[in-house]
Protein backbone atom coordinates (compact mmCIF):
# COMPACT_ATOMS: atom_id res chain seq x y z
CA MET A 1 -53.01 -67.51 16.09
CA THR A 2 -50.64 -64.65 15.61
CA ARG A 3 -46.96 -65.14 14.93
CA GLN A 4 -46.22 -63.81 18.42
CA GLN A 5 -48.55 -66.38 19.98
CA ILE A 6 -46.93 -69.19 17.98
CA LEU A 7 -43.48 -68.03 19.12
CA ASP A 8 -44.61 -67.74 22.73
CA LEU A 9 -46.05 -71.26 22.70
CA TYR A 10 -43.59 -73.22 20.60
CA PHE A 11 -40.23 -71.45 20.49
CA LEU A 12 -38.59 -73.17 23.46
CA ASP A 13 -39.66 -76.62 22.28
CA ALA A 14 -38.39 -75.95 18.74
CA ARG A 15 -35.13 -74.58 20.17
CA HIS A 16 -34.69 -77.75 22.21
CA GLN A 17 -35.27 -79.93 19.15
CA LEU A 18 -32.81 -77.90 17.11
CA VAL A 19 -30.12 -78.30 19.79
CA ALA A 20 -30.82 -82.06 19.83
CA ILE A 21 -30.35 -82.17 16.04
CA ALA A 22 -27.08 -80.23 16.34
CA ALA A 23 -25.87 -82.68 18.99
CA PHE A 24 -26.78 -85.63 16.76
CA LEU A 25 -24.82 -84.14 13.85
CA ASP A 26 -21.85 -83.41 16.12
CA ARG A 27 -21.80 -87.05 17.25
CA ALA A 28 -22.18 -88.37 13.71
CA GLU A 29 -19.43 -86.11 12.36
CA ARG A 30 -17.00 -86.97 15.19
CA ALA A 31 -17.47 -90.70 14.64
CA SER A 32 -15.25 -92.61 12.25
CA GLY A 33 -16.60 -93.89 8.96
CA LYS A 34 -18.33 -92.45 5.93
CA ASP A 35 -21.72 -90.84 5.56
CA ASP A 36 -24.38 -93.22 4.36
CA PHE A 37 -27.64 -92.45 2.63
CA ARG A 38 -29.43 -91.73 5.93
CA LEU A 39 -27.12 -88.87 6.84
CA GLN A 40 -27.29 -87.58 3.28
CA ALA A 41 -31.10 -87.59 3.44
CA PHE A 42 -30.97 -85.89 6.84
CA ARG A 43 -28.81 -83.09 5.45
CA ALA A 44 -31.10 -82.72 2.44
CA ALA A 45 -34.07 -82.40 4.77
CA LEU A 46 -32.24 -79.80 6.87
CA ALA A 47 -31.58 -77.75 3.74
CA GLU A 48 -35.34 -77.43 3.26
CA LEU A 49 -35.60 -75.68 6.62
CA SER A 50 -33.42 -72.75 5.59
CA THR A 51 -35.77 -71.57 2.86
CA LYS A 52 -38.66 -69.17 3.33
CA LYS A 53 -40.93 -71.32 1.18
CA LYS A 54 -44.11 -72.82 2.59
CA GLY A 55 -44.59 -76.55 3.06
CA LYS A 56 -41.37 -77.30 4.93
CA ALA A 57 -42.82 -80.23 6.89
CA LYS A 58 -44.02 -81.91 3.69
CA LYS A 59 -40.66 -81.43 1.98
CA VAL A 60 -38.81 -82.83 4.99
CA LEU A 61 -41.05 -85.89 5.05
CA LEU A 62 -40.58 -86.38 1.31
CA ALA A 63 -36.79 -86.22 1.73
CA PHE A 64 -37.06 -89.42 3.77
CA SER A 65 -39.86 -91.12 1.82
CA ASP A 66 -39.91 -94.05 -0.56
CA LEU A 67 -41.85 -92.70 -3.51
CA THR A 68 -41.70 -95.92 -5.54
CA THR A 69 -44.95 -97.63 -6.38
CA LYS A 70 -43.66 -101.10 -7.28
CA PRO A 71 -43.52 -103.49 -4.30
CA MET A 72 -40.29 -105.24 -3.42
CA ALA A 73 -40.24 -108.96 -4.09
CA LYS A 74 -38.81 -109.69 -0.65
CA ALA A 75 -37.73 -107.52 2.26
CA GLU A 76 -34.27 -108.28 3.60
CA GLY A 77 -35.14 -107.38 7.16
CA LYS A 78 -37.94 -106.46 9.51
CA GLY A 79 -36.69 -103.09 10.71
CA ALA A 80 -37.30 -99.73 9.17
CA CYS A 81 -34.36 -97.40 8.76
CA GLY A 82 -36.13 -94.08 8.38
CA THR A 83 -35.20 -93.07 4.86
CA TRP A 84 -34.88 -94.36 1.34
CA LEU A 85 -32.26 -94.44 -1.38
CA GLU A 86 -33.09 -96.92 -4.10
CA ASN A 87 -32.29 -100.43 -2.85
CA LYS A 88 -29.41 -99.45 -0.58
CA HIS A 89 -31.66 -99.17 2.46
CA GLN A 90 -32.51 -102.86 2.37
CA THR A 91 -29.01 -104.15 3.13
CA ILE A 92 -28.10 -101.45 5.65
CA CYS A 93 -31.39 -101.69 7.50
CA ALA A 94 -31.25 -105.47 7.62
CA ARG A 95 -27.72 -105.28 9.01
CA ASN A 96 -28.73 -102.69 11.62
CA SER A 97 -31.99 -104.34 12.65
CA VAL A 98 -30.16 -107.04 14.64
CA ARG A 99 -29.66 -105.79 18.17
CA PRO A 100 -27.44 -107.54 20.75
């Protein structure tokens, strides 16, 4: 496909997703409290999008990925939290996996 064809097919969808991301960040930044590792990983992934380098999707996925190879002895919860920062995700995700 040509660049023009890609733009014709996918631009509006990508625009919509970008507006949704902006709205998410607006909500997160208006809310009280501190950034945690998930928002930090999200911002790191966003930074990858502003480069002209190839492989953006891979770099975004890697920004959220657990690249360790050693298994955990015991998971503290059942829910996934979408990103990784050493062992900090275990406690936060376990706390957030309980829904009322």
